[in-house]
Amino acid sequence: MGLKNKYNGKELSNNNKHKRLALVKDYFGWLARKRVLLVNPTLDLE
């Protein structure tokens, strides 16, 4: 994944990328549990 820091343009560390992906997965999981979404689109992401 080529995520970059918006302030300095440097690529984010793997740890930072993992934390951001975990937040997105948690959010979509919550939306699926609340039935806002029919399925969680992040289930196949690692």
PDB file of N, CA and C in Angstrom:
ATOM      1  N   MET A   1       0.853  -1.168   0.000  1.00  0.00           N
ATOM      2  CA  MET A   1       0.000   0.000   0.000  1.00  0.00           C
ATOM      3  C   MET A   1       0.900   1.234   0.000  1.00  0.00           C
ATOM      4  N   GLY A   2       0.622   2.208  -0.805  1.00  0.00           N
ATOM      5  CA  GLY A   2       1.439   3.405  -0.898  1.00  0.00           C
ATOM      6  C   GLY A   2       0.862   4.582  -0.145  1.00  0.00           C
ATOM      7  N   LEU A   3       0.516   4.398   1.114  1.00  0.00           N
ATOM      8  CA  LEU A   3      -0.029   5.505   1.901  1.00  0.00           C
ATOM      9  C   LEU A   3       1.086   6.452   2.304  1.00  0.00           C
ATOM     10  N   LYS A   4       0.804   7.738   2.178  1.00  0.00           N
ATOM     11  CA  LYS A   4       1.814   8.742   2.510  1.00  0.00           C
ATOM     12  C   LYS A   4       1.283   9.712   3.553  1.00  0.00           C
ATOM     13  N   ASN A   5       2.195  10.244   4.322  1.00  0.00           N
ATOM     14  CA  ASN A   5       1.881  11.264   5.311  1.00  0.00           C
ATOM     15  C   ASN A   5       1.464  12.531   4.575  1.00  0.00           C
ATOM     16  N   LYS A   6       0.327  13.100   4.925  1.00  0.00           N
ATOM     17  CA  LYS A   6      -0.162  14.268   4.199  1.00  0.00           C
ATOM     18  C   LYS A   6       0.638  15.526   4.509  1.00  0.00           C
ATOM     19  N   TYR A   7       1.430  15.513   5.556  1.00  0.00           N
ATOM     20  CA  TYR A   7       2.194  16.705   5.928  1.00  0.00           C
ATOM     21  C   TYR A   7       3.583  16.752   5.291  1.00  0.00           C
ATOM     22  N   ASN A   8       4.244  15.591   5.202  1.00  0.00           N
ATOM     23  CA  ASN A   8       5.603  15.617   4.663  1.00  0.00           C
ATOM     24  C   ASN A   8       5.776  14.758   3.409  1.00  0.00           C
ATOM     25  N   GLY A   9       4.748  14.039   2.984  1.00  0.00           N
ATOM     26  CA  GLY A   9       4.810  13.243   1.761  1.00  0.00           C
ATOM     27  C   GLY A   9       5.573  11.942   1.879  1.00  0.00           C
ATOM     28  N   LYS A  10       6.109  11.634   3.061  1.00  0.00           N
ATOM     29  CA  LYS A  10       6.843  10.385   3.244  1.00  0.00           C
ATOM     30  C   LYS A  10       5.867   9.227   3.422  1.00  0.00           C
ATOM     31  N   GLU A  11       6.306   8.047   2.981  1.00  0.00           N
ATOM     32  CA  GLU A  11       5.463   6.859   3.130  1.00  0.00           C
ATOM     33  C   GLU A  11       5.319   6.507   4.609  1.00  0.00           C
ATOM     34  N   LEU A  12       4.125   6.048   4.975  1.00  0.00           N
ATOM     35  CA  LEU A  12       3.865   5.659   6.363  1.00  0.00           C
ATOM     36  C   LEU A  12       4.567   4.347   6.689  1.00  0.00           C
ATOM     37  N   SER A  13       4.878   4.157   7.955  1.00  0.00           N
ATOM     38  CA  SER A  13       5.489   2.902   8.394  1.00  0.00           C
ATOM     39  C   SER A  13       4.459   1.777   8.302  1.00  0.00           C
ATOM     40  N   ASN A  14       4.951   0.549   8.261  1.00  0.00           N
ATOM     41  CA  ASN A  14       4.045  -0.603   8.206  1.00  0.00           C
ATOM     42  C   ASN A  14       3.134  -0.639   9.423  1.00  0.00           C
ATOM     43  N   ASN A  15       3.659  -0.274  10.582  1.00  0.00           N
ATOM     44  CA  ASN A  15       2.857  -0.252  11.803  1.00  0.00           C
ATOM     45  C   ASN A  15       1.712   0.751  11.678  1.00  0.00           C
ATOM     46  N   ASN A  16       2.003   1.924  11.139  1.00  0.00           N
ATOM     47  CA  ASN A  16       0.990   2.954  10.962  1.00  0.00           C
ATOM     48  C   ASN A  16      -0.078   2.515   9.957  1.00  0.00           C
ATOM     49  N   LYS A  17       0.361   1.864   8.876  1.00  0.00           N
ATOM     50  CA  LYS A  17      -0.586   1.365   7.872  1.00  0.00           C
ATOM     51  C   LYS A  17      -1.510   0.317   8.492  1.00  0.00           C
ATOM     52  N   HIS A  18      -0.931  -0.572   9.307  1.00  0.00           N
ATOM     53  CA  HIS A  18      -1.712  -1.627   9.951  1.00  0.00           C
ATOM     54  C   HIS A  18      -2.765  -1.031  10.887  1.00  0.00           C
ATOM     55  N   LYS A  19      -2.382  -0.003  11.648  1.00  0.00           N
ATOM     56  CA  LYS A  19      -3.329   0.647  12.562  1.00  0.00           C
ATOM     57  C   LYS A  19      -4.478   1.295  11.798  1.00  0.00           C
ATOM     58  N   ARG A  20      -4.160   1.961  10.700  1.00  0.00           N
ATOM     59  CA  ARG A  20      -5.208   2.613   9.908  1.00  0.00           C
ATOM     60  C   ARG A  20      -6.149   1.588   9.287  1.00  0.00           C
ATOM     61  N   LEU A  21      -5.592   0.491   8.768  1.00  0.00           N
ATOM     62  CA  LEU A  21      -6.426  -0.553   8.184  1.00  0.00           C
ATOM     63  C   LEU A  21      -7.319  -1.174   9.253  1.00  0.00           C
ATOM     64  N   ALA A  22      -6.794  -1.387  10.445  1.00  0.00           N
ATOM     65  CA  ALA A  22      -7.586  -1.958  11.541  1.00  0.00           C
ATOM     66  C   ALA A  22      -8.758  -1.043  11.889  1.00  0.00           C
ATOM     67  N   LEU A  23      -8.539   0.263  11.895  1.00  0.00           N
ATOM     68  CA  LEU A  23      -9.624   1.210  12.177  1.00  0.00           C
ATOM     69  C   LEU A  23     -10.715   1.136  11.117  1.00  0.00           C
ATOM     70  N   VAL A  24     -10.314   1.055   9.857  1.00  0.00           N
ATOM     71  CA  VAL A  24     -11.287   0.969   8.760  1.00  0.00           C
ATOM     72  C   VAL A  24     -12.075  -0.333   8.863  1.00  0.00           C
ATOM     73  N   LYS A  25     -11.371  -1.444   9.138  1.00  0.00           N
ATOM     74  CA  LYS A  25     -12.051  -2.731   9.263  1.00  0.00           C
ATOM     75  C   LYS A  25     -13.031  -2.731  10.433  1.00  0.00           C
ATOM     76  N   ASP A  26     -12.630  -2.145  11.556  1.00  0.00           N
ATOM     77  CA  ASP A  26     -13.526  -2.055  12.716  1.00  0.00           C
ATOM     78  C   ASP A  26     -14.770  -1.238  12.387  1.00  0.00           C
ATOM     79  N   TYR A  27     -14.581  -0.129  11.697  1.00  0.00           N
ATOM     80  CA  TYR A  27     -15.704   0.743  11.345  1.00  0.00           C
ATOM     81  C   TYR A  27     -16.695   0.025  10.426  1.00  0.00           C
ATOM     82  N   PHE A  28     -16.190  -0.632   9.380  1.00  0.00           N
ATOM     83  CA  PHE A  28     -17.091  -1.338   8.479  1.00  0.00           C
ATOM     84  C   PHE A  28     -17.733  -2.541   9.162  1.00  0.00           C
ATOM     85  N   GLY A  29     -17.023  -3.185  10.086  1.00  0.00           N
ATOM     86  CA  GLY A  29     -17.613  -4.271  10.860  1.00  0.00           C
ATOM     87  C   GLY A  29     -18.764  -3.769  11.713  1.00  0.00           C
ATOM     88  N   TRP A  30     -18.581  -2.610  12.329  1.00  0.00           N
ATOM     89  CA  TRP A  30     -19.640  -1.997  13.139  1.00  0.00           C
ATOM     90  C   TRP A  30     -20.849  -1.652  12.265  1.00  0.00           C
ATOM     91  N   LEU A  31     -20.599  -1.077  11.087  1.00  0.00           N
ATOM     92  CA  LEU A  31     -21.706  -0.752  10.176  1.00  0.00           C
ATOM     93  C   LEU A  31     -22.473  -2.011   9.766  1.00  0.00           C
ATOM     94  N   ALA A  32     -21.765  -3.104   9.538  1.00  0.00           N
ATOM     95  CA  ALA A  32     -22.425  -4.358   9.168  1.00  0.00           C
ATOM     96  C   ALA A  32     -23.232  -4.908  10.345  1.00  0.00           C
ATOM     97  N   ARG A  33     -22.696  -4.832  11.561  1.00  0.00           N
ATOM     98  CA  ARG A  33     -23.432  -5.313  12.737  1.00  0.00           C
ATOM     99  C   ARG A  33     -24.690  -4.495  12.990  1.00  0.00           C
ATOM    100  N   LYS A  34     -24.630  -3.210  12.721  1.00  0.00           N
ATOM    101  CA  LYS A  34     -25.795  -2.332  12.893  1.00  0.00           C
ATOM    102  C   LYS A  34     -26.757  -2.412  11.713  1.00  0.00           C
ATOM    103  N   ARG A  35     -26.411  -3.225  10.730  1.00  0.00           N
ATOM    104  CA  ARG A  35     -27.218  -3.441   9.527  1.00  0.00           C
ATOM    105  C   ARG A  35     -27.368  -2.182   8.669  1.00  0.00           C
ATOM    106  N   VAL A  36     -26.383  -1.304   8.760  1.00  0.00           N
ATOM    107  CA  VAL A  36     -26.310  -0.169   7.843  1.00  0.00           C
ATOM    108  C   VAL A  36     -25.812  -0.688   6.495  1.00  0.00           C
ATOM    109  N   LEU A  37     -24.917  -1.684   6.549  1.00  0.00           N
ATOM    110  CA  LEU A  37     -24.421  -2.375   5.359  1.00  0.00           C
ATOM    111  C   LEU A  37     -24.887  -3.825   5.415  1.00  0.00           C
ATOM    112  N   LEU A  38     -25.165  -4.392   4.266  1.00  0.00           N
ATOM    113  CA  LEU A  38     -25.570  -5.800   4.232  1.00  0.00           C
ATOM    114  C   LEU A  38     -24.394  -6.722   4.511  1.00  0.00           C
ATOM    115  N   VAL A  39     -23.228  -6.359   4.021  1.00  0.00           N
ATOM    116  CA  VAL A  39     -22.014  -7.153   4.243  1.00  0.00           C
ATOM    117  C   VAL A  39     -20.862  -6.211   4.569  1.00  0.00           C
ATOM    118  N   ASN A  40     -19.863  -6.761   5.218  1.00  0.00           N
ATOM    119  CA  ASN A  40     -18.659  -6.008   5.535  1.00  0.00           C
ATOM    120  C   ASN A  40     -17.695  -6.124   4.349  1.00  0.00           C
ATOM    121  N   PRO A  41     -17.451  -5.037   3.612  1.00  0.00           N
ATOM    122  CA  PRO A  41     -16.591  -5.117   2.431  1.00  0.00           C
ATOM    123  C   PRO A  41     -15.112  -5.316   2.758  1.00  0.00           C
ATOM    124  N   THR A  42     -14.738  -5.249   4.017  1.00  0.00           N
ATOM    125  CA  THR A  42     -13.326  -5.392   4.381  1.00  0.00           C
ATOM    126  C   THR A  42     -12.974  -6.802   4.853  1.00  0.00           C
ATOM    127  N   LEU A  43     -13.901  -7.742   4.773  1.00  0.00           N
ATOM    128  CA  LEU A  43     -13.633  -9.089   5.286  1.00  0.00           C
ATOM    129  C   LEU A  43     -12.455  -9.768   4.596  1.00  0.00           C
ATOM    130  N   ASP A  44     -12.229  -9.484   3.329  1.00  0.00           N
ATOM    131  CA  ASP A  44     -11.151 -10.137   2.582  1.00  0.00           C
ATOM    132  C   ASP A  44      -9.811  -9.414   2.684  1.00  0.00           C
ATOM    133  N   LEU A  45      -9.767  -8.289   3.372  1.00  0.00           N
ATOM    134  CA  LEU A  45      -8.510  -7.548   3.498  1.00  0.00           C
ATOM    135  C   LEU A  45      -7.644  -8.147   4.592  1.00  0.00           C
ATOM    136  N   GLU A  46      -6.342  -8.080   4.397  1.00  0.00           N
ATOM    137  CA  GLU A  46      -5.395  -8.599   5.398  1.00  0.00           C
ATOM    138  C   GLU A  46      -4.815  -7.482   6.206  1.00  0.00           C
TER     139      GLU A  46
END
